[in-house]
Amino acid sequence: LVSGTVVTGAAAFVITTLVSRHLTREVESFKMDLKRDADAANERLKNSLQMMALEHQVRFSKLHEKRAEVIGNVYARLIEVEKGYGRFVLVDGYERDPEKQREARHKTDVAMYEMSLFIEKHRIYLPAGVCVSLKAFLEIMWNNAISVGVYGEGGGTYATPETTKERSNAFRTATEALTKEIPAARAILEDEFRKLLGVVDERGSVS
């Protein structure tokens, strides 16, 4: 009886040991499979994140290029409009021939309108604050060009002392804008454009 019990106990121990080892191997195998699957999932996630980052970088780069292109075109057009305004105020506004004066005024009006239209078409690439500055820049020239056109037409043929004074004030204000308001407004725009383009000087500040 004792012998049988010992044999049975030994058999149970052996079976338990074998089962335990088998389970241990199964657990280790499961852990290895789990780790392998986790590593593969992490690698896939890493690759996916890298692709997303690359796509974002490409989109951002293209957007920056487009914005730089728009800013370049806007600034070039602004300079052209400003030079046209200067010629109208300093030269064409004093034209004695009413027809020539009207033609010059029409040319200036068209240039400003086209500039305004170009900004409206591309304002999606520019911050709202920049669009406000652009509008203010154009309004300075627009309002003064209208005054010069109104008082300059005909060279004051039917002028009265009052209208002569108003005409003089209109031309003086429009001329002063060339040296004060317009350069100040353009400086603000230039600074805002540099910030958008990321142009900085050696000290790390916007130049």
Protein backbone atom coordinates (compact mmCIF):
# COMPACT_ATOMS: atom_id res chain seq x y z
CA LEU A 1 0.00 0.00 0.00
CA VAL A 2 2.79 2.33 0.95
CA SER A 3 4.68 1.37 -2.17
CA GLY A 4 1.61 2.02 -4.32
CA THR A 5 1.09 5.40 -2.71
CA VAL A 6 4.69 6.35 -3.32
CA VAL A 7 4.43 5.32 -6.94
CA THR A 8 1.18 7.20 -7.36
CA GLY A 9 2.66 10.28 -5.70
CA ALA A 10 5.74 10.05 -7.85
CA ALA A 11 3.63 9.71 -10.95
CA ALA A 12 1.52 12.68 -9.94
CA PHE A 13 4.66 14.70 -9.30
CA VAL A 14 6.09 13.79 -12.67
CA ILE A 15 2.83 14.62 -14.42
CA THR A 16 2.55 17.90 -12.55
CA THR A 17 6.14 18.76 -13.45
CA LEU A 18 5.59 17.92 -17.10
CA VAL A 19 2.38 19.90 -17.23
CA SER A 20 4.08 22.82 -15.49
CA ARG A 21 6.99 22.77 -17.93
CA HIS A 22 4.60 22.53 -20.84
CA LEU A 23 2.60 25.44 -19.56
CA THR A 24 5.79 27.41 -18.99
CA ARG A 25 6.87 26.77 -22.56
CA GLU A 26 3.41 27.76 -23.78
CA VAL A 27 3.53 30.95 -21.73
CA GLU A 28 7.02 31.80 -23.00
CA SER A 29 5.94 31.10 -26.55
CA PHE A 30 2.84 33.25 -26.07
CA LYS A 31 4.96 36.05 -24.61
CA MET A 32 7.35 35.85 -27.55
CA ASP A 33 4.47 35.89 -30.03
CA LEU A 34 2.91 38.80 -28.18
CA LYS A 35 6.19 40.73 -28.20
CA ARG A 36 6.71 40.00 -31.88
CA ASP A 37 3.21 41.19 -32.71
CA ALA A 38 3.68 44.30 -30.54
CA ASP A 39 7.00 45.10 -32.22
CA ALA A 40 5.42 44.68 -35.64
CA ALA A 41 2.50 46.90 -34.63
CA ASN A 42 4.87 49.53 -33.25
CA GLU A 43 6.89 49.45 -36.46
CA ARG A 44 3.75 49.86 -38.55
CA LEU A 45 2.62 52.74 -36.34
CA LYS A 46 6.07 54.34 -36.56
CA ASN A 47 6.06 54.07 -40.35
CA SER A 48 2.53 55.46 -40.49
CA LEU A 49 3.47 58.43 -38.30
CA GLN A 50 6.55 59.07 -40.41
CA MET A 51 4.45 59.05 -43.57
CA MET A 52 1.94 61.43 -41.99
CA ALA A 53 4.74 63.73 -40.87
CA LEU A 54 6.26 63.67 -44.35
CA GLU A 55 2.90 64.42 -45.99
CA HIS A 56 2.33 67.29 -43.56
CA GLN A 57 5.81 68.64 -44.27
CA VAL A 58 5.21 68.47 -48.02
CA ARG A 59 1.83 70.22 -47.71
CA PHE A 60 3.32 72.88 -45.43
CA SER A 61 6.24 73.40 -47.81
CA LYS A 62 3.92 73.81 -50.78
CA LEU A 63 1.68 76.17 -48.81
CA HIS A 64 4.70 78.25 -47.79
CA GLU A 65 5.88 78.37 -51.40
CA LYS A 66 2.42 79.48 -52.55
CA ARG A 67 2.21 82.10 -49.81
CA ALA A 68 5.68 83.39 -50.74
CA GLU A 69 4.58 83.60 -54.37
CA VAL A 70 1.41 85.51 -53.42
CA ILE A 71 3.32 87.89 -51.16
CA GLY A 72 5.86 88.54 -53.91
CA ASN A 73 3.11 89.34 -56.39
CA VAL A 74 1.19 91.49 -53.92
CA TYR A 75 4.26 93.52 -53.01
CA ALA A 76 5.32 94.00 -56.64
CA ARG A 77 1.82 95.22 -57.52
CA LEU A 78 1.76 97.55 -54.53
CA ILE A 79 4.99 99.18 -55.66
CA GLU A 80 3.59 99.61 -59.17
CA VAL A 81 0.39 101.16 -57.81
CA GLU A 82 2.36 103.44 -55.51
CA LYS A 83 4.57 104.64 -58.38
CA GLY A 84 1.50 105.19 -60.54
CA TYR A 85 -0.13 107.16 -57.76
CA GLY A 86 2.99 109.30 -57.39
CA ARG A 87 3.05 110.11 -61.09
CA PHE A 88 -0.63 111.01 -61.05
CA VAL A 89 -0.30 113.28 -58.02
CA LEU A 90 2.93 114.98 -59.06
CA VAL A 91 2.49 115.13 -62.84
CA ASP A 92 -0.79 114.03 -64.38
CA GLY A 93 -2.95 115.75 -61.80
CA TYR A 94 -1.69 119.11 -63.07
CA GLU A 95 -2.50 118.27 -66.68
CA ARG A 96 -4.37 121.18 -68.26
CA ASP A 97 -5.99 119.06 -70.94
CA PRO A 98 -9.18 117.63 -69.32
CA GLU A 99 -9.17 114.57 -71.59
CA LYS A 100 -5.58 113.66 -70.76
CA GLN A 101 -6.22 114.28 -67.09
CA ARG A 102 -9.26 111.98 -67.14
CA GLU A 103 -7.27 109.28 -68.93
CA ALA A 104 -4.53 109.47 -66.33
CA ARG A 105 -7.08 109.32 -63.52
CA HIS A 106 -8.82 106.35 -65.13
CA LYS A 107 -5.50 104.53 -65.45
CA THR A 108 -4.77 105.10 -61.77
CA ASP A 109 -8.27 104.00 -60.73
CA VAL A 110 -8.01 100.81 -62.79
CA ALA A 111 -4.61 99.96 -61.32
CA MET A 112 -5.93 100.34 -57.77
CA TYR A 113 -9.08 98.37 -58.53
CA GLU A 114 -7.06 95.51 -60.04
CA MET A 115 -4.77 95.57 -57.02
CA SER A 116 -7.75 95.38 -54.66
CA LEU A 117 -9.27 92.55 -56.70
CA PHE A 118 -5.99 90.60 -56.68
CA ILE A 119 -5.83 90.87 -52.88
CA GLU A 120 -9.42 89.67 -52.52
CA LYS A 121 -8.71 86.64 -54.72
CA HIS A 122 -5.66 85.65 -52.66
CA ARG A 123 -6.64 86.72 -49.15
CA ILE A 124 -6.97 83.06 -48.13
CA TYR A 125 -3.16 82.89 -48.13
CA LEU A 126 -2.79 85.96 -45.91
CA PRO A 127 -3.73 86.59 -42.28
CA ALA A 128 -6.68 88.87 -41.65
CA GLY A 129 -4.41 91.51 -40.10
CA VAL A 130 -2.31 91.72 -43.26
CA CYS A 131 -5.44 92.14 -45.38
CA VAL A 132 -6.50 95.01 -43.13
CA SER A 133 -3.09 96.66 -43.58
CA LEU A 134 -3.29 96.19 -47.34
CA LYS A 135 -6.72 97.79 -47.42
CA ALA A 136 -5.48 100.75 -45.37
CA PHE A 137 -2.49 101.15 -47.70
CA LEU A 138 -4.72 101.27 -50.76
CA GLU A 139 -7.30 103.57 -49.18
CA ILE A 140 -4.66 106.23 -48.54
CA MET A 141 -3.86 106.38 -52.25
CA TRP A 142 -7.44 105.82 -53.40
CA ASN A 143 -8.90 108.71 -51.40
CA ASN A 144 -6.13 111.14 -52.31
CA ALA A 145 -6.25 110.16 -55.99
CA ILE A 146 -9.99 110.91 -56.03
CA SER A 147 -9.42 114.34 -54.49
CA VAL A 148 -6.67 115.19 -56.96
CA GLY A 149 -8.83 113.97 -59.81
CA VAL A 150 -11.82 116.03 -58.74
CA TYR A 151 -9.95 119.27 -58.09
CA GLY A 152 -7.35 118.81 -60.80
CA GLU A 153 -9.68 118.21 -63.70
CA GLY A 154 -9.66 121.15 -66.08
CA GLY A 155 -6.79 122.83 -64.23
CA GLY A 156 -9.13 125.03 -62.25
CA THR A 157 -10.62 126.81 -65.30
CA TYR A 158 -13.78 127.73 -63.43
CA ALA A 159 -12.16 128.02 -60.04
CA THR A 160 -13.33 130.30 -57.28
CA PRO A 161 -11.17 131.41 -54.35
CA GLU A 162 -12.78 128.72 -52.24
CA THR A 163 -12.28 125.91 -54.76
CA THR A 164 -8.74 127.11 -55.41
CA LYS A 165 -7.97 126.73 -51.73
CA GLU A 166 -9.60 123.29 -51.64
CA ARG A 167 -7.64 122.26 -54.72
CA SER A 168 -4.39 123.41 -53.15
CA ASN A 169 -5.16 121.47 -49.96
CA ALA A 170 -6.06 118.35 -51.94
CA PHE A 171 -2.80 118.40 -53.89
CA ARG A 172 -0.74 119.18 -50.79
CA THR A 173 -2.35 116.34 -48.80
CA ALA A 174 -1.88 113.89 -51.67
CA THR A 175 1.77 114.90 -52.05
CA GLU A 176 2.48 114.66 -48.32
CA ALA A 177 1.06 111.14 -48.35
CA LEU A 178 3.93 110.16 -50.65
CA THR A 179 6.49 111.02 -48.01
CA LYS A 180 4.63 110.18 -44.81
CA GLU A 181 1.53 107.97 -44.73
CA ILE A 182 2.32 105.73 -47.69
CA PRO A 183 5.93 104.89 -46.66
CA ALA A 184 4.72 104.23 -43.08
CA ALA A 185 1.94 101.93 -44.29
CA ARG A 186 4.34 100.13 -46.64
CA ALA A 187 6.85 99.65 -43.80
CA ILE A 188 4.16 97.92 -41.74
CA LEU A 189 3.35 95.63 -44.65
CA GLU A 190 7.01 94.85 -45.29
CA ASP A 191 7.47 93.88 -41.64
CA GLU A 192 4.37 91.67 -41.69
CA PHE A 193 5.48 90.02 -44.94
CA ARG A 194 8.92 89.28 -43.50
CA LYS A 195 7.32 87.65 -40.48
CA LEU A 196 5.16 85.45 -42.71
CA LEU A 197 8.18 84.43 -44.78
CA GLY A 198 10.36 83.85 -41.73
CA VAL A 199 13.02 86.33 -42.79
CA VAL A 200 15.15 87.20 -39.75
CA ASP A 201 18.45 88.93 -39.26
CA GLU A 202 21.58 87.59 -37.56
CA ARG A 203 20.30 88.65 -34.14
CA GLY A 204 17.25 86.42 -34.52
CA SER A 205 14.80 89.25 -34.89
CA VAL A 206 12.71 90.18 -37.88
CA SER A 207 14.78 92.33 -40.24
